[in-house]
Amino acid sequence: MAGKGEEVKPTVIGKLVVDNLEDKAWLLLLMRKFREAVEMAHHLLKNGIGTSETKRRLTKYLSNAWYASSAMKRAKLYLNQPYLKLNKPQLFSVGSKDEKGNRNIKLLDTSEVLIKIPHADGKHTWLKGRVVFGRKYLPIVKELTTDKYSYGASIVLKDKGKLFLHLHIPPELYIKYVKKNLKLNLLVILLASTSIQTESAWLL
């Protein structure tokens, strides 16, 4: 369930392909560490550790403050649970109200994405992936590449090692492109009310 004041957004999902095997290995390693960071954040917050100290520890573990903030935000979705054990590796980069686009998972165009991989020495590298969205969502994704909107982005691992990119977009942008289609308008309403629950189901 979304926490008090948690903003829910429609989600567009695309299949993510990372062709370079070394890059994919780095991405999977980061996804495993991010999963552990979410569990760590949940444990710390449940035991009364403040948000500043929790973020400091997560930043040290992930070598990236923005991923740390994102892990903490995700952990807060599960604070009603006594403990948290996530089965699937995952990665999440929250959108910022003060910035357009996304700081760590950047769309290059409607078929390519850059993913920031932080390293323990404080440096980082960017890996490139191919992403395939449904045709009806391409105009929405195209808008996101213009940096006019802020969006959140998640990467999840499904069965047989398949990767998927989830884009959490502003409802007004979604509605802009689907307002002529009644069925999709109903989908917007459904997604806006259940996207956090759906996202949780993918990630548990």
N, C-alpha and C. Protein backbone atom coordinates (compact mmCIF):
# COMPACT_ATOMS: atom_id res chain seq x y z
N MET A 1 0.83 -1.20 0.00
CA MET A 1 0.00 0.00 0.00
C MET A 1 0.87 1.25 0.00
N ALA A 2 0.41 2.25 -0.61
CA ALA A 2 1.14 3.50 -0.61
C ALA A 2 1.00 4.16 0.73
N GLY A 3 2.11 4.74 1.20
CA GLY A 3 2.10 5.41 2.49
C GLY A 3 1.36 6.71 2.42
N LYS A 4 1.12 7.32 3.58
CA LYS A 4 0.41 8.58 3.65
C LYS A 4 1.18 9.63 2.85
N GLY A 5 0.44 10.27 1.93
CA GLY A 5 1.07 11.30 1.11
C GLY A 5 1.87 10.75 -0.04
N GLU A 6 1.90 9.41 -0.20
CA GLU A 6 2.65 8.81 -1.30
C GLU A 6 1.94 9.09 -2.62
N GLU A 7 2.68 9.59 -3.59
CA GLU A 7 2.10 9.88 -4.89
C GLU A 7 2.17 8.65 -5.77
N VAL A 8 1.03 8.27 -6.34
CA VAL A 8 1.01 7.13 -7.24
C VAL A 8 0.94 7.65 -8.67
N LYS A 9 1.57 6.92 -9.59
CA LYS A 9 1.63 7.36 -10.98
C LYS A 9 1.38 6.17 -11.90
N PRO A 10 0.80 6.43 -13.08
CA PRO A 10 0.66 5.36 -14.07
C PRO A 10 2.03 4.81 -14.44
N THR A 11 2.06 3.55 -14.82
CA THR A 11 3.32 2.89 -15.13
C THR A 11 3.29 2.32 -16.54
N VAL A 12 4.31 2.63 -17.32
CA VAL A 12 4.49 2.06 -18.65
C VAL A 12 5.65 1.08 -18.57
N ILE A 13 5.45 -0.12 -19.10
CA ILE A 13 6.44 -1.19 -18.97
C ILE A 13 7.00 -1.56 -20.34
N GLY A 14 8.32 -1.69 -20.40
CA GLY A 14 8.98 -2.13 -21.62
C GLY A 14 9.98 -3.23 -21.34
N LYS A 15 10.25 -4.05 -22.32
CA LYS A 15 11.25 -5.11 -22.17
C LYS A 15 12.64 -4.52 -22.34
N LEU A 16 13.52 -4.80 -21.39
CA LEU A 16 14.88 -4.27 -21.40
C LEU A 16 15.86 -5.35 -21.82
N VAL A 17 16.74 -5.01 -22.75
CA VAL A 17 17.76 -5.94 -23.23
C VAL A 17 19.12 -5.28 -23.11
N VAL A 18 20.04 -5.93 -22.40
CA VAL A 18 21.43 -5.48 -22.30
C VAL A 18 22.29 -6.51 -23.03
N ASP A 19 22.79 -6.15 -24.18
CA ASP A 19 23.48 -7.12 -25.04
C ASP A 19 24.87 -7.47 -24.52
N ASN A 20 25.57 -6.50 -23.96
CA ASN A 20 26.92 -6.74 -23.47
C ASN A 20 26.85 -7.54 -22.17
N LEU A 21 27.46 -8.72 -22.16
CA LEU A 21 27.35 -9.61 -21.01
C LEU A 21 28.01 -9.03 -19.76
N GLU A 22 29.13 -8.34 -19.94
CA GLU A 22 29.79 -7.72 -18.79
C GLU A 22 28.91 -6.62 -18.21
N ASP A 23 28.31 -5.81 -19.06
CA ASP A 23 27.40 -4.77 -18.60
C ASP A 23 26.22 -5.37 -17.85
N LYS A 24 25.68 -6.45 -18.39
CA LYS A 24 24.53 -7.10 -17.74
C LYS A 24 24.92 -7.63 -16.37
N ALA A 25 26.14 -8.16 -16.26
CA ALA A 25 26.61 -8.67 -14.97
C ALA A 25 26.71 -7.53 -13.95
N TRP A 26 27.22 -6.37 -14.38
CA TRP A 26 27.29 -5.20 -13.49
C TRP A 26 25.89 -4.76 -13.07
N LEU A 27 24.96 -4.76 -14.01
CA LEU A 27 23.60 -4.36 -13.69
C LEU A 27 22.96 -5.31 -12.69
N LEU A 28 23.11 -6.60 -12.90
CA LEU A 28 22.52 -7.58 -11.98
C LEU A 28 23.14 -7.47 -10.59
N LEU A 29 24.44 -7.20 -10.53
CA LEU A 29 25.09 -7.00 -9.24
C LEU A 29 24.50 -5.80 -8.52
N LEU A 30 24.32 -4.69 -9.24
CA LEU A 30 23.73 -3.50 -8.64
C LEU A 30 22.30 -3.77 -8.20
N MET A 31 21.55 -4.52 -8.98
CA MET A 31 20.17 -4.84 -8.61
C MET A 31 20.11 -5.68 -7.33
N ARG A 32 21.04 -6.59 -7.19
CA ARG A 32 21.09 -7.39 -5.95
C ARG A 32 21.45 -6.52 -4.76
N LYS A 33 22.41 -5.62 -4.95
CA LYS A 33 22.78 -4.72 -3.86
C LYS A 33 21.64 -3.78 -3.51
N PHE A 34 20.91 -3.33 -4.52
CA PHE A 34 19.78 -2.44 -4.25
C PHE A 34 18.70 -3.17 -3.46
N ARG A 35 18.43 -4.41 -3.83
CA ARG A 35 17.47 -5.21 -3.07
C ARG A 35 17.90 -5.31 -1.61
N GLU A 36 19.17 -5.58 -1.38
CA GLU A 36 19.68 -5.68 -0.02
C GLU A 36 19.59 -4.33 0.69
N ALA A 37 19.79 -3.24 -0.04
CA ALA A 37 19.70 -1.90 0.55
C ALA A 37 18.27 -1.59 0.99
N VAL A 38 17.28 -2.02 0.20
CA VAL A 38 15.89 -1.82 0.60
C VAL A 38 15.59 -2.59 1.88
N GLU A 39 16.05 -3.83 1.96
CA GLU A 39 15.85 -4.63 3.16
C GLU A 39 16.57 -4.00 4.36
N MET A 40 17.78 -3.50 4.12
CA MET A 40 18.54 -2.84 5.17
C MET A 40 17.81 -1.60 5.67
N ALA A 41 17.31 -0.80 4.74
CA ALA A 41 16.59 0.42 5.11
C ALA A 41 15.35 0.09 5.93
N HIS A 42 14.64 -0.94 5.52
CA HIS A 42 13.43 -1.36 6.25
C HIS A 42 13.79 -1.75 7.68
N HIS A 43 14.87 -2.52 7.83
CA HIS A 43 15.30 -2.96 9.16
C HIS A 43 15.70 -1.77 10.03
N LEU A 44 16.47 -0.86 9.46
CA LEU A 44 16.93 0.30 10.23
C LEU A 44 15.78 1.20 10.64
N LEU A 45 14.89 1.49 9.71
CA LEU A 45 13.76 2.37 10.01
C LEU A 45 12.82 1.74 11.02
N LYS A 46 12.60 0.44 10.90
CA LYS A 46 11.72 -0.25 11.86
C LYS A 46 12.31 -0.26 13.25
N ASN A 47 13.64 -0.16 13.34
CA ASN A 47 14.31 -0.18 14.64
C ASN A 47 14.66 1.22 15.13
N GLY A 48 14.02 2.22 14.58
CA GLY A 48 14.14 3.57 15.11
C GLY A 48 15.33 4.37 14.65
N ILE A 49 16.08 3.87 13.67
CA ILE A 49 17.19 4.65 13.13
C ILE A 49 16.63 5.77 12.27
N GLY A 50 17.12 6.98 12.44
CA GLY A 50 16.60 8.13 11.71
C GLY A 50 16.88 8.07 10.22
N THR A 51 16.14 8.86 9.47
CA THR A 51 16.28 8.83 8.01
C THR A 51 17.67 9.31 7.55
N SER A 52 18.24 10.28 8.24
CA SER A 52 19.56 10.79 7.84
C SER A 52 20.63 9.73 8.00
N GLU A 53 20.61 9.03 9.14
CA GLU A 53 21.59 7.98 9.39
C GLU A 53 21.36 6.79 8.46
N THR A 54 20.10 6.47 8.24
CA THR A 54 19.77 5.38 7.32
C THR A 54 20.29 5.68 5.92
N LYS A 55 20.07 6.90 5.46
CA LYS A 55 20.55 7.28 4.13
C LYS A 55 22.07 7.26 4.07
N ARG A 56 22.73 7.68 5.14
CA ARG A 56 24.19 7.68 5.16
C ARG A 56 24.73 6.26 4.98
N ARG A 57 24.13 5.31 5.69
CA ARG A 57 24.58 3.92 5.59
C ARG A 57 24.29 3.34 4.21
N LEU A 58 23.14 3.65 3.68
CA LEU A 58 22.79 3.14 2.35
C LEU A 58 23.69 3.74 1.28
N THR A 59 24.00 5.03 1.43
CA THR A 59 24.89 5.68 0.46
C THR A 59 26.26 5.02 0.46
N LYS A 60 26.76 4.70 1.62
CA LYS A 60 28.05 4.03 1.72
C LYS A 60 27.99 2.65 1.07
N TYR A 61 26.87 1.95 1.25
CA TYR A 61 26.74 0.60 0.71
C TYR A 61 26.57 0.61 -0.81
N LEU A 62 25.78 1.56 -1.32
CA LEU A 62 25.49 1.61 -2.75
C LEU A 62 26.43 2.53 -3.53
N SER A 63 27.20 3.35 -2.82
CA SER A 63 28.13 4.31 -3.45
C SER A 63 27.40 5.33 -4.31
N ASN A 64 26.15 5.62 -3.95
CA ASN A 64 25.38 6.60 -4.71
C ASN A 64 24.24 7.11 -3.83
N ALA A 65 24.21 8.41 -3.58
CA ALA A 65 23.21 8.99 -2.67
C ALA A 65 21.80 8.92 -3.25
N TRP A 66 21.69 9.04 -4.58
CA TRP A 66 20.35 9.04 -5.18
C TRP A 66 19.72 7.65 -5.14
N TYR A 67 20.53 6.63 -5.43
CA TYR A 67 20.03 5.26 -5.28
C TYR A 67 19.68 4.99 -3.82
N ALA A 68 20.46 5.55 -2.89
CA ALA A 68 20.18 5.37 -1.47
C ALA A 68 18.83 5.96 -1.10
N SER A 69 18.56 7.18 -1.57
CA SER A 69 17.26 7.81 -1.31
C SER A 69 16.13 6.99 -1.91
N SER A 70 16.37 6.44 -3.08
CA SER A 70 15.36 5.64 -3.76
C SER A 70 15.08 4.34 -3.00
N ALA A 71 16.14 3.72 -2.48
CA ALA A 71 15.97 2.49 -1.70
C ALA A 71 15.18 2.77 -0.42
N MET A 72 15.47 3.90 0.20
CA MET A 72 14.76 4.25 1.43
C MET A 72 13.28 4.52 1.14
N LYS A 73 13.01 5.19 0.03
CA LYS A 73 11.62 5.46 -0.34
C LYS A 73 10.87 4.17 -0.58
N ARG A 74 11.51 3.23 -1.25
CA ARG A 74 10.86 1.94 -1.51
C ARG A 74 10.65 1.18 -0.21
N ALA A 75 11.61 1.22 0.69
CA ALA A 75 11.47 0.51 1.97
C ALA A 75 10.28 1.02 2.77
N LYS A 76 10.01 2.32 2.66
CA LYS A 76 8.91 2.91 3.42
C LYS A 76 7.55 2.36 2.99
N LEU A 77 7.48 1.81 1.78
CA LEU A 77 6.22 1.22 1.32
C LEU A 77 5.85 -0.02 2.11
N TYR A 78 6.85 -0.62 2.79
CA TYR A 78 6.63 -1.88 3.48
C TYR A 78 6.70 -1.75 5.00
N LEU A 79 6.67 -0.53 5.51
CA LEU A 79 6.86 -0.35 6.95
C LEU A 79 5.73 -0.94 7.80
N ASN A 80 4.62 -1.27 7.16
CA ASN A 80 3.55 -1.94 7.91
C ASN A 80 3.87 -3.41 8.16
N GLN A 81 4.93 -3.92 7.51
CA GLN A 81 5.34 -5.31 7.71
C GLN A 81 6.40 -5.38 8.81
N PRO A 82 6.39 -6.45 9.63
CA PRO A 82 7.38 -6.57 10.69
C PRO A 82 8.80 -6.79 10.17
N TYR A 83 8.93 -7.45 9.04
CA TYR A 83 10.24 -7.64 8.41
C TYR A 83 10.04 -7.69 6.90
N LEU A 84 11.15 -7.60 6.18
CA LEU A 84 11.07 -7.55 4.73
C LEU A 84 12.14 -8.45 4.12
N LYS A 85 11.70 -9.32 3.24
CA LYS A 85 12.61 -10.17 2.47
C LYS A 85 12.15 -10.17 1.03
N LEU A 86 12.90 -9.52 0.17
CA LEU A 86 12.56 -9.43 -1.25
C LEU A 86 13.23 -10.57 -2.01
N ASN A 87 12.47 -11.24 -2.81
CA ASN A 87 12.99 -12.41 -3.52
C ASN A 87 13.73 -12.04 -4.80
N LYS A 88 13.35 -10.94 -5.42
CA LYS A 88 13.87 -10.63 -6.74
C LYS A 88 14.78 -9.40 -6.72
N PRO A 89 15.92 -9.47 -7.42
CA PRO A 89 16.74 -8.27 -7.58
C PRO A 89 15.94 -7.17 -8.25
N GLN A 90 16.28 -5.93 -7.94
CA GLN A 90 15.53 -4.80 -8.46
C GLN A 90 16.39 -3.55 -8.42
N LEU A 91 15.96 -2.54 -9.15
CA LEU A 91 16.63 -1.25 -9.12
C LEU A 91 15.57 -0.18 -9.30
N PHE A 92 15.70 0.90 -8.56
CA PHE A 92 14.72 1.98 -8.63
C PHE A 92 15.45 3.31 -8.50
N SER A 93 15.07 4.25 -9.36
CA SER A 93 15.60 5.61 -9.27
C SER A 93 14.42 6.56 -9.27
N VAL A 94 14.21 7.20 -8.14
CA VAL A 94 13.05 8.07 -7.98
C VAL A 94 13.19 9.31 -8.85
N GLY A 95 12.08 9.81 -9.32
CA GLY A 95 12.08 11.08 -10.03
C GLY A 95 12.17 12.23 -9.05
N SER A 96 12.72 13.34 -9.47
CA SER A 96 12.86 14.51 -8.60
C SER A 96 11.95 15.63 -9.07
N LYS A 97 11.23 16.23 -8.15
CA LYS A 97 10.37 17.35 -8.50
C LYS A 97 11.18 18.57 -8.95
N ASP A 98 12.45 18.61 -8.54
CA ASP A 98 13.30 19.75 -8.88
C ASP A 98 14.08 19.55 -10.17
N GLU A 99 14.01 18.34 -10.73
CA GLU A 99 14.76 18.04 -11.94
C GLU A 99 13.84 17.36 -12.95
N LYS A 100 14.16 17.52 -14.21
CA LYS A 100 13.42 16.83 -15.25
C LYS A 100 14.17 15.55 -15.63
N GLY A 101 13.46 14.63 -16.23
CA GLY A 101 14.09 13.37 -16.58
C GLY A 101 14.30 12.50 -15.35
N ASN A 102 15.39 11.75 -15.34
CA ASN A 102 15.74 10.91 -14.20
C ASN A 102 17.25 10.93 -14.04
N ARG A 103 17.71 11.00 -12.81
CA ARG A 103 19.13 11.20 -12.56
C ARG A 103 19.97 9.96 -12.87
N ASN A 104 19.44 8.77 -12.62
CA ASN A 104 20.25 7.56 -12.73
C ASN A 104 19.84 6.62 -13.86
N ILE A 105 18.60 6.71 -14.31
CA ILE A 105 18.11 5.86 -15.40
C ILE A 105 17.53 6.79 -16.45
N LYS A 106 18.30 7.03 -17.50
CA LYS A 106 17.98 8.09 -18.46
C LYS A 106 17.57 7.51 -19.81
N LEU A 107 16.43 7.93 -20.30
CA LEU A 107 16.01 7.56 -21.65
C LEU A 107 16.79 8.38 -22.67
N LEU A 108 17.40 7.70 -23.64
CA LEU A 108 18.05 8.39 -24.75
C LEU A 108 17.04 8.69 -25.85
N ASP A 109 16.22 7.71 -26.13
CA ASP A 109 15.11 7.85 -27.07
C ASP A 109 14.08 6.80 -26.71
N THR A 110 13.18 6.47 -27.61
CA THR A 110 12.12 5.52 -27.28
C THR A 110 12.60 4.07 -27.26
N SER A 111 13.85 3.84 -27.62
CA SER A 111 14.34 2.46 -27.68
C SER A 111 15.67 2.24 -26.98
N GLU A 112 16.23 3.27 -26.34
CA GLU A 112 17.51 3.13 -25.65
C GLU A 112 17.48 3.84 -24.30
N VAL A 113 18.20 3.26 -23.35
CA VAL A 113 18.25 3.82 -22.01
C VAL A 113 19.68 3.71 -21.47
N LEU A 114 20.09 4.70 -20.69
CA LEU A 114 21.37 4.67 -19.99
C LEU A 114 21.12 4.42 -18.51
N ILE A 115 21.93 3.54 -17.91
CA ILE A 115 21.78 3.19 -16.50
C ILE A 115 23.09 3.45 -15.79
N LYS A 116 23.04 4.24 -14.73
CA LYS A 116 24.25 4.59 -13.99
C LYS A 116 24.66 3.44 -13.07
N ILE A 117 25.93 3.05 -13.16
CA ILE A 117 26.49 2.00 -12.31
C ILE A 117 27.55 2.64 -11.41
N PRO A 118 27.26 2.84 -10.13
CA PRO A 118 28.24 3.45 -9.23
C PRO A 118 29.30 2.44 -8.78
N HIS A 119 30.48 2.95 -8.46
CA HIS A 119 31.57 2.10 -8.01
C HIS A 119 32.07 2.58 -6.65
N ALA A 120 32.74 1.69 -5.95
CA ALA A 120 33.16 1.96 -4.58
C ALA A 120 34.16 3.11 -4.48
N ASP A 121 34.87 3.41 -5.57
CA ASP A 121 35.85 4.49 -5.54
C ASP A 121 35.22 5.87 -5.76
N GLY A 122 33.89 5.91 -5.81
CA GLY A 122 33.19 7.18 -6.00
C GLY A 122 32.92 7.53 -7.45
N LYS A 123 33.52 6.79 -8.36
CA LYS A 123 33.28 7.02 -9.78
C LYS A 123 32.08 6.21 -10.23
N HIS A 124 31.67 6.41 -11.47
CA HIS A 124 30.56 5.64 -12.01
C HIS A 124 30.75 5.44 -13.51
N THR A 125 30.05 4.47 -14.03
CA THR A 125 30.00 4.24 -15.46
C THR A 125 28.53 4.19 -15.89
N TRP A 126 28.32 4.37 -17.17
CA TRP A 126 26.97 4.27 -17.74
C TRP A 126 26.93 3.08 -18.68
N LEU A 127 25.92 2.25 -18.53
CA LEU A 127 25.73 1.17 -19.49
C LEU A 127 24.47 1.44 -20.31
N LYS A 128 24.50 0.96 -21.53
CA LYS A 128 23.38 1.21 -22.44
C LYS A 128 22.56 -0.06 -22.64
N GLY A 129 21.25 0.11 -22.63
CA GLY A 129 20.36 -1.01 -22.89
C GLY A 129 19.35 -0.66 -23.95
N ARG A 130 18.83 -1.69 -24.61
CA ARG A 130 17.73 -1.50 -25.56
C ARG A 130 16.41 -1.78 -24.83
N VAL A 131 15.40 -1.04 -25.16
CA VAL A 131 14.11 -1.23 -24.50
C VAL A 131 13.00 -1.20 -25.56
N VAL A 132 12.04 -2.11 -25.39
CA VAL A 132 10.94 -2.23 -26.35
C VAL A 132 9.63 -1.95 -25.62
N PHE A 133 8.96 -0.89 -26.03
CA PHE A 133 7.65 -0.53 -25.48
C PHE A 133 6.56 -0.84 -26.51
N GLY A 134 5.35 -1.01 -26.02
CA GLY A 134 4.22 -1.16 -26.93
C GLY A 134 4.06 0.10 -27.77
N ARG A 135 3.63 -0.09 -29.02
CA ARG A 135 3.55 1.03 -29.96
C ARG A 135 2.69 2.18 -29.43
N LYS A 136 1.59 1.85 -28.76
CA LYS A 136 0.68 2.91 -28.30
C LYS A 136 1.29 3.78 -27.21
N TYR A 137 2.39 3.29 -26.58
CA TYR A 137 3.03 4.07 -25.52
C TYR A 137 4.21 4.89 -26.01
N LEU A 138 4.61 4.71 -27.26
CA LEU A 138 5.80 5.40 -27.77
C LEU A 138 5.69 6.92 -27.71
N PRO A 139 4.52 7.53 -28.01
CA PRO A 139 4.44 8.99 -27.88
C PRO A 139 4.68 9.47 -26.46
N ILE A 140 4.22 8.70 -25.47
CA ILE A 140 4.45 9.06 -24.07
C ILE A 140 5.93 8.99 -23.75
N VAL A 141 6.56 7.88 -24.15
CA VAL A 141 8.00 7.71 -23.89
C VAL A 141 8.80 8.80 -24.60
N LYS A 142 8.38 9.14 -25.82
CA LYS A 142 9.07 10.19 -26.58
C LYS A 142 9.06 11.51 -25.81
N GLU A 143 7.93 11.83 -25.19
CA GLU A 143 7.84 13.06 -24.37
C GLU A 143 8.84 13.03 -23.23
N LEU A 144 9.03 11.85 -22.63
CA LEU A 144 9.95 11.74 -21.50
C LEU A 144 11.40 11.99 -21.92
N THR A 145 11.72 11.74 -23.18
CA THR A 145 13.10 11.95 -23.64
C THR A 145 13.42 13.43 -23.84
N THR A 146 12.41 14.29 -23.81
CA THR A 146 12.63 15.73 -24.02
C THR A 146 13.04 16.45 -22.74
N ASP A 147 13.04 15.73 -21.61
CA ASP A 147 13.38 16.31 -20.31
C ASP A 147 12.41 17.41 -19.88
N LYS A 148 11.18 17.34 -20.36
CA LYS A 148 10.16 18.28 -19.89
C LYS A 148 9.47 17.77 -18.63
N TYR A 149 9.59 16.45 -18.39
CA TYR A 149 8.90 15.84 -17.26
C TYR A 149 9.90 15.05 -16.41
N SER A 150 9.59 14.99 -15.13
CA SER A 150 10.33 14.11 -14.22
C SER A 150 9.61 12.77 -14.16
N TYR A 151 10.37 11.70 -14.13
CA TYR A 151 9.76 10.36 -14.04
C TYR A 151 10.62 9.45 -13.18
N GLY A 152 9.97 8.52 -12.50
CA GLY A 152 10.68 7.48 -11.78
C GLY A 152 10.91 6.29 -12.71
N ALA A 153 11.90 5.48 -12.41
CA ALA A 153 12.20 4.33 -13.25
C ALA A 153 12.64 3.15 -12.39
N SER A 154 12.10 1.99 -12.70
CA SER A 154 12.47 0.75 -12.01
C SER A 154 12.92 -0.28 -13.03
N ILE A 155 13.85 -1.13 -12.62
CA ILE A 155 14.24 -2.28 -13.42
C ILE A 155 13.98 -3.52 -12.58
N VAL A 156 13.24 -4.46 -13.14
CA VAL A 156 12.91 -5.67 -12.41
C VAL A 156 13.33 -6.89 -13.21
N LEU A 157 13.61 -7.96 -12.49
CA LEU A 157 14.01 -9.23 -13.09
C LEU A 157 12.87 -10.22 -12.96
N LYS A 158 12.42 -10.73 -14.09
CA LYS A 158 11.35 -11.71 -14.09
C LYS A 158 11.91 -13.10 -14.35
N ASP A 159 11.00 -14.06 -14.55
CA ASP A 159 11.40 -15.44 -14.77
C ASP A 159 12.30 -15.56 -15.99
N LYS A 160 13.19 -16.55 -15.94
CA LYS A 160 14.12 -16.85 -17.03
C LYS A 160 15.07 -15.70 -17.33
N GLY A 161 15.30 -14.86 -16.33
CA GLY A 161 16.29 -13.80 -16.47
C GLY A 161 15.89 -12.63 -17.32
N LYS A 162 14.60 -12.48 -17.62
CA LYS A 162 14.15 -11.36 -18.45
C LYS A 162 14.08 -10.09 -17.63
N LEU A 163 14.55 -9.00 -18.21
CA LEU A 163 14.56 -7.70 -17.55
C LEU A 163 13.46 -6.81 -18.12
N PHE A 164 12.86 -6.01 -17.24
CA PHE A 164 11.82 -5.08 -17.68
C PHE A 164 12.07 -3.71 -17.05
N LEU A 165 11.81 -2.68 -17.85
CA LEU A 165 11.93 -1.30 -17.38
C LEU A 165 10.53 -0.76 -17.13
N HIS A 166 10.30 -0.26 -15.92
CA HIS A 166 9.03 0.37 -15.55
C HIS A 166 9.25 1.87 -15.48
N LEU A 167 8.46 2.63 -16.20
CA LEU A 167 8.50 4.09 -16.14
C LEU A 167 7.28 4.59 -15.39
N HIS A 168 7.51 5.35 -14.32
CA HIS A 168 6.43 5.88 -13.50
C HIS A 168 6.24 7.34 -13.91
N ILE A 169 5.17 7.61 -14.60
CA ILE A 169 5.03 8.89 -15.30
C ILE A 169 3.91 9.74 -14.71
N PRO A 170 3.97 11.06 -14.94
CA PRO A 170 2.91 11.94 -14.45
C PRO A 170 1.57 11.59 -15.09
N PRO A 171 0.51 11.48 -14.30
CA PRO A 171 -0.80 11.13 -14.85
C PRO A 171 -1.25 12.06 -15.97
N GLU A 172 -0.92 13.36 -15.85
CA GLU A 172 -1.38 14.30 -16.87
C GLU A 172 -0.75 14.01 -18.24
N LEU A 173 0.49 13.49 -18.23
CA LEU A 173 1.13 13.13 -19.49
C LEU A 173 0.47 11.89 -20.08
N TYR A 174 0.18 10.93 -19.23
CA TYR A 174 -0.49 9.71 -19.70
C TYR A 174 -1.84 10.05 -20.32
N ILE A 175 -2.62 10.84 -19.61
CA ILE A 175 -3.97 11.18 -20.07
C ILE A 175 -3.92 11.97 -21.38
N LYS A 176 -2.89 12.77 -21.54
CA LYS A 176 -2.73 13.58 -22.76
C LYS A 176 -2.78 12.73 -24.02
N TYR A 177 -2.25 11.51 -23.93
CA TYR A 177 -2.16 10.66 -25.11
C TYR A 177 -3.23 9.59 -25.20
N VAL A 178 -3.96 9.36 -24.12
CA VAL A 178 -4.96 8.30 -24.16
C VAL A 178 -6.38 8.82 -23.98
N LYS A 179 -6.56 10.12 -23.94
CA LYS A 179 -7.87 10.69 -23.65
C LYS A 179 -8.92 10.34 -24.69
N LYS A 180 -8.49 9.98 -25.91
CA LYS A 180 -9.44 9.63 -26.96
C LYS A 180 -9.86 8.16 -26.89
N ASN A 181 -9.24 7.42 -26.00
CA ASN A 181 -9.54 5.99 -25.90
C ASN A 181 -10.15 5.71 -24.54
N LEU A 182 -11.42 5.39 -24.49
CA LEU A 182 -12.12 5.22 -23.22
C LEU A 182 -11.53 4.09 -22.40
N LYS A 183 -11.21 2.98 -23.06
CA LYS A 183 -10.67 1.84 -22.33
C LYS A 183 -9.35 2.21 -21.66
N LEU A 184 -8.51 2.96 -22.36
CA LEU A 184 -7.24 3.35 -21.77
C LEU A 184 -7.43 4.40 -20.69
N ASN A 185 -8.46 5.24 -20.82
CA ASN A 185 -8.76 6.18 -19.74
C ASN A 185 -9.11 5.44 -18.47
N LEU A 186 -9.88 4.38 -18.60
CA LEU A 186 -10.22 3.57 -17.44
C LEU A 186 -8.96 2.93 -16.87
N LEU A 187 -8.04 2.56 -17.76
CA LEU A 187 -6.78 1.97 -17.31
C LEU A 187 -5.96 2.98 -16.52
N VAL A 188 -5.99 4.25 -16.95
CA VAL A 188 -5.28 5.30 -16.22
C VAL A 188 -5.78 5.38 -14.79
N ILE A 189 -7.11 5.37 -14.64
CA ILE A 189 -7.69 5.45 -13.31
C ILE A 189 -7.26 4.26 -12.47
N LEU A 190 -7.29 3.08 -13.09
CA LEU A 190 -6.89 1.88 -12.37
C LEU A 190 -5.43 1.93 -11.97
N LEU A 191 -4.56 2.33 -12.92
CA LEU A 191 -3.13 2.40 -12.63
C LEU A 191 -2.82 3.43 -11.57
N ALA A 192 -3.49 4.56 -11.62
CA ALA A 192 -3.24 5.63 -10.66
C ALA A 192 -3.58 5.20 -9.25
N SER A 193 -4.51 4.25 -9.11
CA SER A 193 -4.93 3.83 -7.77
C SER A 193 -4.22 2.58 -7.30
N THR A 194 -3.60 1.83 -8.25
CA THR A 194 -3.02 0.54 -7.86
C THR A 194 -1.57 0.36 -8.28
N SER A 195 -0.94 1.38 -8.85
CA SER A 195 0.41 1.19 -9.39
C SER A 195 1.41 0.80 -8.33
N ILE A 196 1.29 1.35 -7.12
CA ILE A 196 2.23 0.98 -6.06
C ILE A 196 2.05 -0.48 -5.67
N GLN A 197 0.77 -0.95 -5.56
CA GLN A 197 0.54 -2.33 -5.23
C GLN A 197 1.05 -3.25 -6.32
N THR A 198 0.81 -2.87 -7.59
CA THR A 198 1.27 -3.67 -8.71
C THR A 198 2.79 -3.75 -8.73
N GLU A 199 3.42 -2.62 -8.52
CA GLU A 199 4.89 -2.57 -8.49
C GLU A 199 5.41 -3.47 -7.38
N SER A 200 4.78 -3.45 -6.22
CA SER A 200 5.20 -4.29 -5.11
C SER A 200 5.10 -5.76 -5.47
N ALA A 201 4.04 -6.13 -6.19
CA ALA A 201 3.85 -7.52 -6.58
C ALA A 201 4.97 -7.99 -7.50
N TRP A 202 5.43 -7.11 -8.40
CA TRP A 202 6.55 -7.45 -9.28
C TRP A 202 7.83 -7.67 -8.49
N LEU A 203 7.99 -6.93 -7.41
CA LEU A 203 9.29 -6.87 -6.75
C LEU A 203 9.43 -7.85 -5.61
N LEU A 204 8.34 -8.32 -5.04
CA LEU A 204 8.42 -9.25 -3.92
C LEU A 204 8.89 -10.62 -4.38
